C-alpha cells in the first residue's frame, strides 16, 4: 500500500469518527488523533485548541450539542513526505447544533504524522462558519 493510500485510510477513519461525533459520540476521534501536547485544532466555531486535552474537550463539547449529523470530504488532495502528510478539501456538513439545523461547505486542512506505524491526525483547521458561531452564542 502506498503512503498516500495509508493517509487516505486515516482520513476515512477521521471522517467516520467525525460522523459519530456529529451524532453525539466523540469516542472514535480518540483513536485517530495523536495525544501529544502540541496537537492543534481550529474548528468552524472559532478559536484555537492546543494540546490533546483541549482538543478532546472541544470534540466532547460539540458532540454533546450535536445530532442528526453527516460530514463528507470532497475535493480531497493528499501530499505525503516521509512520516508527515497533509490533506486539503471541502467538508460538506449537515447536522443539528443545539437542535438547530446547520448545513454548509467548509474548507479544511488536516495534518497527519506517522506514530508507531500508524497515521494520526495532528492538526485540523477549517474556515470559521458564522452560522455555527451564532447558534453557540444563543446556547
N, C-alpha and C. Protein backbone atom coordinates (compact mmCIF):
# COMPACT_ATOMS: atom_id res chain seq x y z
N UNK A 1 0.85 -1.17 0.00
CA UNK A 1 0.00 0.00 0.00
C UNK A 1 0.90 1.24 0.00
N UNK A 2 0.56 2.20 -0.83
CA UNK A 2 1.35 3.43 -0.90
C UNK A 2 1.11 4.29 0.34
N UNK A 3 2.03 5.21 0.60
CA UNK A 3 1.88 6.13 1.72
C UNK A 3 0.61 6.96 1.56
N UNK A 4 0.35 7.41 0.34
CA UNK A 4 -0.86 8.20 0.10
C UNK A 4 -2.11 7.39 0.43
N UNK A 5 -2.12 6.10 0.08
CA UNK A 5 -3.27 5.26 0.41
C UNK A 5 -3.41 5.08 1.93
N UNK A 6 -2.29 4.97 2.63
CA UNK A 6 -2.33 4.86 4.09
C UNK A 6 -2.96 6.12 4.70
N UNK A 7 -2.56 7.28 4.20
CA UNK A 7 -3.11 8.54 4.70
C UNK A 7 -4.59 8.64 4.35
N UNK A 8 -4.96 8.20 3.14
CA UNK A 8 -6.37 8.21 2.75
C UNK A 8 -7.19 7.34 3.71
N UNK A 9 -6.63 6.20 4.11
CA UNK A 9 -7.32 5.34 5.08
C UNK A 9 -7.48 6.04 6.43
N UNK A 10 -6.43 6.75 6.87
CA UNK A 10 -6.52 7.51 8.12
C UNK A 10 -7.58 8.60 8.00
N UNK A 11 -7.64 9.24 6.85
CA UNK A 11 -8.65 10.28 6.61
C UNK A 11 -10.06 9.67 6.68
N UNK A 12 -10.24 8.52 6.08
CA UNK A 12 -11.56 7.86 6.15
C UNK A 12 -11.93 7.54 7.59
N UNK A 13 -10.94 7.13 8.37
CA UNK A 13 -11.19 6.86 9.79
C UNK A 13 -11.57 8.15 10.52
N UNK A 14 -10.86 9.25 10.21
CA UNK A 14 -11.15 10.53 10.84
C UNK A 14 -12.57 11.00 10.49
N UNK A 15 -12.94 10.93 9.22
CA UNK A 15 -14.27 11.39 8.84
C UNK A 15 -15.37 10.46 9.33
N UNK A 16 -15.08 9.18 9.45
CA UNK A 16 -16.03 8.28 10.10
C UNK A 16 -16.25 8.67 11.56
N UNK A 17 -15.15 9.01 12.24
CA UNK A 17 -15.23 9.43 13.63
C UNK A 17 -15.97 10.76 13.76
N UNK A 18 -15.75 11.69 12.82
CA UNK A 18 -16.47 12.96 12.83
C UNK A 18 -17.98 12.73 12.69
N UNK A 19 -18.36 11.78 11.86
CA UNK A 19 -19.79 11.48 11.71
C UNK A 19 -20.37 10.96 13.02
N UNK A 20 -19.63 10.13 13.73
CA UNK A 20 -20.10 9.67 15.04
C UNK A 20 -20.21 10.84 16.01
N UNK A 21 -19.21 11.74 15.98
CA UNK A 21 -19.22 12.89 16.87
C UNK A 21 -20.44 13.78 16.61
N UNK A 22 -20.77 13.99 15.33
CA UNK A 22 -21.92 14.83 14.99
C UNK A 22 -23.25 14.18 15.33
N UNK A 23 -23.17 12.95 15.82
CA UNK A 23 -24.36 12.25 16.30
C UNK A 23 -24.24 11.93 17.79
N UNK A 24 -23.38 12.71 18.47
CA UNK A 24 -23.31 12.64 19.92
C UNK A 24 -22.24 11.76 20.53
N UNK A 25 -21.42 11.07 19.71
CA UNK A 25 -20.42 10.14 20.25
C UNK A 25 -19.02 10.50 19.74
N UNK A 26 -18.20 11.18 20.55
CA UNK A 26 -16.88 11.59 20.10
C UNK A 26 -15.79 10.52 20.27
N UNK A 27 -16.08 9.40 20.88
CA UNK A 27 -15.05 8.43 21.29
C UNK A 27 -14.11 7.99 20.16
N UNK A 28 -14.64 7.77 18.96
CA UNK A 28 -13.80 7.28 17.86
C UNK A 28 -12.72 8.29 17.48
N UNK A 29 -12.93 9.57 17.78
CA UNK A 29 -11.90 10.58 17.47
C UNK A 29 -10.63 10.32 18.28
N UNK A 30 -10.77 9.77 19.46
CA UNK A 30 -9.62 9.49 20.32
C UNK A 30 -8.66 8.49 19.67
N UNK A 31 -9.18 7.62 18.83
CA UNK A 31 -8.36 6.59 18.19
C UNK A 31 -7.52 7.12 17.04
N UNK A 32 -8.00 8.11 16.31
CA UNK A 32 -7.29 8.62 15.14
C UNK A 32 -6.40 9.80 15.47
N UNK A 33 -6.66 10.50 16.57
CA UNK A 33 -5.86 11.68 16.94
C UNK A 33 -4.61 11.29 17.70
N UNK A 34 -3.53 12.02 17.44
CA UNK A 34 -2.35 11.96 18.30
C UNK A 34 -2.73 12.56 19.64
N UNK A 35 -2.17 12.04 20.70
CA UNK A 35 -2.46 12.54 22.04
C UNK A 35 -1.32 13.40 22.57
N UNK A 36 -0.52 13.94 21.70
CA UNK A 36 0.65 14.74 22.08
C UNK A 36 0.24 16.14 22.55
N UNK A 37 1.08 16.79 23.35
CA UNK A 37 0.75 18.12 23.87
C UNK A 37 0.80 19.24 22.84
N UNK A 38 1.29 18.95 21.63
CA UNK A 38 1.39 20.01 20.61
C UNK A 38 0.41 19.84 19.45
N UNK A 39 -0.59 18.95 19.58
CA UNK A 39 -1.61 18.85 18.54
C UNK A 39 -2.50 20.08 18.61
N UNK A 40 -3.11 20.43 17.47
CA UNK A 40 -3.92 21.65 17.41
C UNK A 40 -5.19 21.42 16.61
N UNK A 41 -6.19 22.24 16.91
CA UNK A 41 -7.43 22.23 16.15
C UNK A 41 -7.96 23.66 16.08
N UNK A 42 -8.45 24.03 14.91
CA UNK A 42 -9.10 25.31 14.69
C UNK A 42 -10.42 24.99 13.99
N UNK A 43 -11.48 24.92 14.80
CA UNK A 43 -12.79 24.46 14.35
C UNK A 43 -13.59 25.57 13.66
N UNK A 44 -14.68 25.20 12.99
CA UNK A 44 -15.53 26.21 12.35
C UNK A 44 -16.24 27.12 13.35
N UNK A 45 -16.17 26.80 14.63
CA UNK A 45 -16.79 27.66 15.65
C UNK A 45 -15.80 28.68 16.19
N UNK A 46 -14.58 28.69 15.64
CA UNK A 46 -13.59 29.68 16.03
C UNK A 46 -12.66 29.18 17.12
N UNK A 47 -11.65 29.98 17.40
CA UNK A 47 -10.69 29.66 18.44
C UNK A 47 -9.65 28.66 18.00
N UNK A 48 -8.66 28.49 18.86
CA UNK A 48 -7.60 27.51 18.62
C UNK A 48 -7.46 26.65 19.87
N UNK A 49 -7.37 25.35 19.66
CA UNK A 49 -7.17 24.41 20.75
C UNK A 49 -5.76 23.87 20.62
N UNK A 50 -5.02 23.87 21.73
CA UNK A 50 -3.63 23.40 21.74
C UNK A 50 -3.49 22.29 22.77
N UNK A 51 -2.97 21.16 22.33
CA UNK A 51 -2.76 20.01 23.20
C UNK A 51 -3.94 19.07 23.17
N UNK A 52 -3.65 17.79 23.35
CA UNK A 52 -4.69 16.77 23.25
C UNK A 52 -5.84 17.05 24.21
N UNK A 53 -5.57 17.45 25.44
CA UNK A 53 -6.65 17.67 26.40
C UNK A 53 -7.63 18.73 25.92
N UNK A 54 -7.13 19.85 25.38
CA UNK A 54 -8.02 20.90 24.88
C UNK A 54 -8.76 20.45 23.63
N UNK A 55 -8.04 19.78 22.73
CA UNK A 55 -8.68 19.30 21.50
C UNK A 55 -9.79 18.32 21.85
N UNK A 56 -9.51 17.38 22.73
CA UNK A 56 -10.51 16.39 23.12
C UNK A 56 -11.73 17.06 23.77
N UNK A 57 -11.49 18.00 24.66
CA UNK A 57 -12.59 18.71 25.31
C UNK A 57 -13.48 19.40 24.29
N UNK A 58 -12.88 19.98 23.25
CA UNK A 58 -13.69 20.65 22.22
C UNK A 58 -14.55 19.66 21.46
N UNK A 59 -14.02 18.48 21.15
CA UNK A 59 -14.82 17.47 20.47
C UNK A 59 -15.97 17.00 21.35
N UNK A 60 -15.69 16.82 22.64
CA UNK A 60 -16.75 16.39 23.55
C UNK A 60 -17.86 17.43 23.63
N UNK A 61 -17.50 18.71 23.72
CA UNK A 61 -18.49 19.77 23.82
C UNK A 61 -19.39 19.81 22.58
N UNK A 62 -18.80 19.71 21.41
CA UNK A 62 -19.60 19.74 20.19
C UNK A 62 -20.48 18.51 20.11
N UNK A 63 -19.94 17.35 20.49
CA UNK A 63 -20.73 16.11 20.45
C UNK A 63 -21.97 16.20 21.33
N UNK A 64 -21.84 16.80 22.50
CA UNK A 64 -22.98 16.90 23.42
C UNK A 64 -24.09 17.80 22.89
N UNK A 65 -23.75 18.71 21.97
CA UNK A 65 -24.75 19.63 21.42
C UNK A 65 -25.20 19.23 20.02
N UNK A 66 -24.66 18.14 19.47
CA UNK A 66 -24.91 17.77 18.07
C UNK A 66 -25.79 16.54 17.95
N UNK A 67 -26.53 16.50 16.83
CA UNK A 67 -27.34 15.33 16.50
C UNK A 67 -27.62 15.34 15.00
N UNK A 68 -28.11 14.22 14.52
CA UNK A 68 -28.54 14.08 13.12
C UNK A 68 -27.48 14.55 12.13
N UNK A 69 -26.22 14.21 12.39
CA UNK A 69 -25.13 14.77 11.60
C UNK A 69 -24.54 13.89 10.53
N UNK A 70 -24.01 14.58 9.52
CA UNK A 70 -23.28 13.91 8.45
C UNK A 70 -22.27 14.90 7.89
N UNK A 71 -21.04 14.43 7.73
CA UNK A 71 -19.98 15.22 7.11
C UNK A 71 -19.28 14.34 6.09
N UNK A 72 -18.97 14.93 4.95
CA UNK A 72 -18.29 14.20 3.88
C UNK A 72 -17.21 15.10 3.30
N UNK A 73 -16.04 14.54 3.06
CA UNK A 73 -14.94 15.29 2.47
C UNK A 73 -14.99 15.18 0.95
N UNK A 74 -14.98 16.33 0.28
CA UNK A 74 -14.98 16.38 -1.19
C UNK A 74 -13.69 17.06 -1.63
N UNK A 75 -13.32 16.88 -2.90
CA UNK A 75 -12.15 17.51 -3.50
C UNK A 75 -10.88 17.27 -2.69
N UNK A 76 -10.71 16.05 -2.22
CA UNK A 76 -9.57 15.69 -1.38
C UNK A 76 -8.27 15.71 -2.19
N UNK A 77 -7.25 16.32 -1.60
CA UNK A 77 -5.89 16.27 -2.13
C UNK A 77 -4.98 15.91 -0.98
N UNK A 78 -4.12 14.90 -1.18
CA UNK A 78 -3.19 14.44 -0.15
C UNK A 78 -1.77 14.58 -0.67
N UNK A 79 -0.90 15.06 0.20
CA UNK A 79 0.53 15.11 -0.11
C UNK A 79 1.27 14.57 1.10
N UNK A 80 2.14 13.60 0.87
CA UNK A 80 2.90 12.97 1.96
C UNK A 80 4.39 13.01 1.66
N UNK A 81 5.16 13.30 2.70
CA UNK A 81 6.62 13.27 2.62
C UNK A 81 7.12 12.61 3.90
N UNK A 82 7.77 11.48 3.76
CA UNK A 82 8.26 10.78 4.95
C UNK A 82 7.12 10.40 5.87
N UNK A 83 7.24 10.82 7.13
CA UNK A 83 6.24 10.50 8.15
C UNK A 83 5.23 11.61 8.39
N UNK A 84 5.19 12.60 7.49
CA UNK A 84 4.23 13.71 7.60
C UNK A 84 3.40 13.77 6.33
N UNK A 85 2.15 14.20 6.50
CA UNK A 85 1.26 14.35 5.35
C UNK A 85 0.21 15.40 5.66
N UNK A 86 -0.32 15.99 4.60
CA UNK A 86 -1.46 16.88 4.77
C UNK A 86 -2.50 16.56 3.72
N UNK A 87 -3.72 16.93 4.04
CA UNK A 87 -4.80 16.85 3.06
C UNK A 87 -5.58 18.15 3.11
N UNK A 88 -6.09 18.53 1.97
CA UNK A 88 -7.00 19.67 1.88
C UNK A 88 -8.24 19.20 1.16
N UNK A 89 -9.33 19.90 1.40
CA UNK A 89 -10.58 19.55 0.76
C UNK A 89 -11.69 20.46 1.23
N UNK A 90 -12.90 20.04 0.93
CA UNK A 90 -14.09 20.77 1.34
C UNK A 90 -15.01 19.80 2.07
N UNK A 91 -15.35 20.14 3.31
CA UNK A 91 -16.28 19.33 4.07
C UNK A 91 -17.70 19.78 3.76
N UNK A 92 -18.54 18.85 3.38
CA UNK A 92 -19.97 19.11 3.24
C UNK A 92 -20.61 18.63 4.52
N UNK A 93 -21.26 19.57 5.23
CA UNK A 93 -21.74 19.30 6.58
C UNK A 93 -23.25 19.55 6.67
N UNK A 94 -23.93 18.65 7.36
CA UNK A 94 -25.34 18.84 7.70
C UNK A 94 -25.56 18.17 9.05
N UNK A 95 -26.02 18.94 10.04
CA UNK A 95 -26.28 18.40 11.37
C UNK A 95 -27.13 19.38 12.15
N UNK A 96 -27.53 18.97 13.34
CA UNK A 96 -28.24 19.86 14.25
C UNK A 96 -27.29 20.22 15.38
N UNK A 97 -27.21 21.50 15.65
CA UNK A 97 -26.38 22.02 16.74
C UNK A 97 -27.34 22.73 17.70
N UNK A 98 -27.45 22.18 18.89
CA UNK A 98 -28.42 22.73 19.83
C UNK A 98 -29.83 22.68 19.29
N UNK A 99 -30.13 21.66 18.48
CA UNK A 99 -31.45 21.49 17.90
C UNK A 99 -31.71 22.30 16.64
N UNK A 100 -30.77 23.16 16.24
CA UNK A 100 -30.95 23.98 15.04
C UNK A 100 -30.17 23.38 13.87
N UNK A 101 -30.83 23.28 12.72
CA UNK A 101 -30.20 22.70 11.53
C UNK A 101 -29.08 23.60 11.02
N UNK A 102 -27.95 22.96 10.73
CA UNK A 102 -26.77 23.63 10.17
C UNK A 102 -26.38 22.88 8.91
N UNK A 103 -26.17 23.59 7.83
CA UNK A 103 -25.65 22.99 6.60
C UNK A 103 -24.60 23.93 6.03
N UNK A 104 -23.71 23.37 5.24
CA UNK A 104 -22.74 24.22 4.58
C UNK A 104 -21.55 23.46 4.05
N UNK A 105 -20.68 24.21 3.44
CA UNK A 105 -19.41 23.70 2.95
C UNK A 105 -18.30 24.46 3.66
N UNK A 106 -17.30 23.70 4.11
CA UNK A 106 -16.22 24.27 4.91
C UNK A 106 -14.88 23.82 4.32
N UNK A 107 -14.01 24.77 3.99
CA UNK A 107 -12.67 24.39 3.55
C UNK A 107 -11.90 23.83 4.75
N UNK A 108 -11.07 22.81 4.49
CA UNK A 108 -10.38 22.14 5.59
C UNK A 108 -8.95 21.77 5.19
N UNK A 109 -8.07 21.82 6.19
CA UNK A 109 -6.71 21.29 6.08
C UNK A 109 -6.49 20.39 7.28
N UNK A 110 -6.02 19.18 7.04
CA UNK A 110 -5.68 18.23 8.09
C UNK A 110 -4.22 17.83 7.93
N UNK A 111 -3.51 17.73 9.05
CA UNK A 111 -2.11 17.31 9.05
C UNK A 111 -2.03 15.99 9.80
N UNK A 112 -1.32 15.04 9.21
CA UNK A 112 -1.15 13.71 9.79
C UNK A 112 0.34 13.44 10.01
N UNK A 113 0.64 12.60 11.00
CA UNK A 113 2.00 12.14 11.23
C UNK A 113 1.95 10.66 11.58
N UNK A 114 2.93 9.94 11.07
CA UNK A 114 3.01 8.51 11.41
C UNK A 114 3.61 8.38 12.81
N UNK A 115 2.87 7.70 13.69
CA UNK A 115 3.31 7.45 15.06
C UNK A 115 3.25 5.95 15.31
N UNK A 116 4.38 5.37 15.63
CA UNK A 116 4.45 3.93 15.92
C UNK A 116 3.77 3.11 14.82
N UNK A 117 4.00 3.53 13.56
CA UNK A 117 3.49 2.78 12.42
C UNK A 117 2.06 3.11 12.00
N UNK A 118 1.40 4.03 12.70
CA UNK A 118 0.02 4.39 12.39
C UNK A 118 -0.08 5.89 12.12
N UNK A 119 -0.88 6.26 11.13
CA UNK A 119 -1.09 7.67 10.83
C UNK A 119 -2.10 8.26 11.81
N UNK A 120 -1.71 9.35 12.46
CA UNK A 120 -2.56 10.04 13.42
C UNK A 120 -2.72 11.49 12.98
N UNK A 121 -3.88 12.06 13.24
CA UNK A 121 -4.09 13.45 12.91
C UNK A 121 -3.47 14.32 14.00
N UNK A 122 -2.79 15.38 13.57
CA UNK A 122 -2.11 16.29 14.50
C UNK A 122 -2.67 17.71 14.42
N UNK A 123 -3.33 18.03 13.33
CA UNK A 123 -3.90 19.37 13.19
C UNK A 123 -5.12 19.31 12.28
N UNK A 124 -6.17 20.02 12.68
CA UNK A 124 -7.41 20.12 11.91
C UNK A 124 -7.77 21.59 11.88
N UNK A 125 -7.93 22.15 10.68
CA UNK A 125 -8.19 23.58 10.54
C UNK A 125 -9.28 23.79 9.49
N UNK A 126 -10.35 24.48 9.90
CA UNK A 126 -11.43 24.81 8.98
C UNK A 126 -11.68 26.31 9.00
N UNK A 127 -12.39 26.77 7.99
CA UNK A 127 -12.87 28.15 7.99
C UNK A 127 -13.86 28.33 9.13
N UNK A 128 -13.94 29.54 9.65
CA UNK A 128 -14.97 29.87 10.64
C UNK A 128 -16.31 29.95 9.92
N UNK A 129 -17.34 29.37 10.52
CA UNK A 129 -18.69 29.39 9.98
C UNK A 129 -19.58 30.20 10.90
N UNK A 130 -19.96 31.38 10.47
CA UNK A 130 -20.73 32.29 11.31
C UNK A 130 -22.05 31.69 11.78
N UNK A 131 -22.68 30.87 10.93
CA UNK A 131 -23.95 30.27 11.36
C UNK A 131 -23.76 29.38 12.59
N UNK A 132 -22.65 28.67 12.67
CA UNK A 132 -22.37 27.84 13.84
C UNK A 132 -22.05 28.70 15.06
N UNK A 133 -21.27 29.75 14.85
CA UNK A 133 -20.91 30.65 15.94
C UNK A 133 -22.16 31.29 16.53
N UNK A 134 -23.09 31.70 15.68
CA UNK A 134 -24.33 32.33 16.16
C UNK A 134 -25.18 31.37 16.97
N UNK A 135 -25.28 30.13 16.52
CA UNK A 135 -26.06 29.14 17.28
C UNK A 135 -25.44 28.95 18.65
N UNK A 136 -24.14 28.83 18.72
CA UNK A 136 -23.48 28.64 20.02
C UNK A 136 -23.64 29.85 20.92
N UNK A 137 -23.63 31.04 20.37
CA UNK A 137 -23.85 32.24 21.19
C UNK A 137 -25.23 32.22 21.84
N UNK A 138 -26.23 31.75 21.10
CA UNK A 138 -27.59 31.70 21.63
C UNK A 138 -27.77 30.60 22.66
N UNK A 139 -26.90 29.60 22.60
CA UNK A 139 -27.00 28.49 23.57
C UNK A 139 -26.43 28.97 24.88
